[in-house]
Amino acid sequence: MSKINILKINICNTRFEKLLKEIEDSIHNNLKISILYLNAYGVNLTRNNIQLVTSLNSADIVHIDGIGIWLALKFLFKVRIPRFNWTDYAYKFLSICERNQWTIFFLGSTDKTLEKARNNLFSQFPNLILAGTMNGYSDLSDSKVIDKINKVSPQILWVGLGTPKQEIWIQKNKDKLNCRVIQSVGDVFSLFARERIRGPVYLRKLGFEWLFRLTQNPGRFWRRYLLGIPKFIFLVLCEKIKLILRIKSSKISQ
C-alpha cells in the first residue's frame, strides 16, 4: 500500500475495499495490524504532541478521515486519492463481520453508551459476535484492561477513546494484545447508541459535516473547528511554501 508523507505523517493511499482486504488478510493469515485515521484536528494536535506523531507513524495503516486532509494532499502534491471517512462504512463493516463471524470488542465511551450501542446493533445484526465491551473511563494503564480483552481474544478491537488518547494507547499496547486488527474509531459508539446523528447526506458529500456537528454541539466543537480549521490551513500553506522553496533550491543547485 503506497504512502504519502503530509506534515510529517505517513498517510496510506487507500479506500474501503483495499482496507477491507488488509483486514481479511490479517485475520486469515493470523497477522496483527493497527489501523489509525488522521483528520485536520489530528494534524493540529501533532504540532505539540510528539507522542502522537510517533504513534501515527508506528501504525501499519493510517487512512485519511474527512475532507481536510484530502484537500491538503490535492493542494500540496496534486495527488488525488479517494475521499474516505470510516464512519460512512461502519455499519457496512459490521454486516461483513456478522457474515464472516468475525469477533469484535469495543473499548471506549461510557457503559451506558456501550449498552445502548449493543442493543441497537443486535437488533440490526442479530448474529454479530460482540466479544465484549469496556468503557474508556477505566484506568487504561491497568493490566486488567489488557487481560479482559485477551481473555476473549477478539479478532478485531475497536478503540474509541478520541485523539490523541486512542492512538497513543494502541501504539503502547499493540504488542500485548491478542487481536488481529486494532483500529481507532473515534466516537462511533455514540453513533451506534443514537446519541448523536450524522449530518445530512448532501453536507457529507460537500465535506461540511463538521458544520453540522458544530451547530449540534457548539460548546464541544467550537475550538476544534473555529480555531482549528484556520490553524490547519496555516500549516498547509507553510508546508506549500517550504515545498516551493525546496524545488527552487534544487533547480539552482543543478
Foldseek 3Di string as FASTA:
>chain_A
DDWDADLLATADQDAPVVVVVVLVCLLVVVAAFEEEEDELLQSVVCVPDVLLSVLRNVGPHYHYAFCHVQVLCCVQPVDHGDHYHVLVCVLVVQLVCLVVVAEEEEEEDDPVLLVLLVVLVCVVRVRRHHQYYYYNPDPLVDCVVQVVQQVSLGQEYEYAHAPPVQSSSCSVCVVSHSYRYYYYDHPSSNVSSVVDDFDDPVCRVVRNSLVVVCVVCVPVCVCCPVVSVVVSVVSSVVSNVVVVVVVVVVVVVD
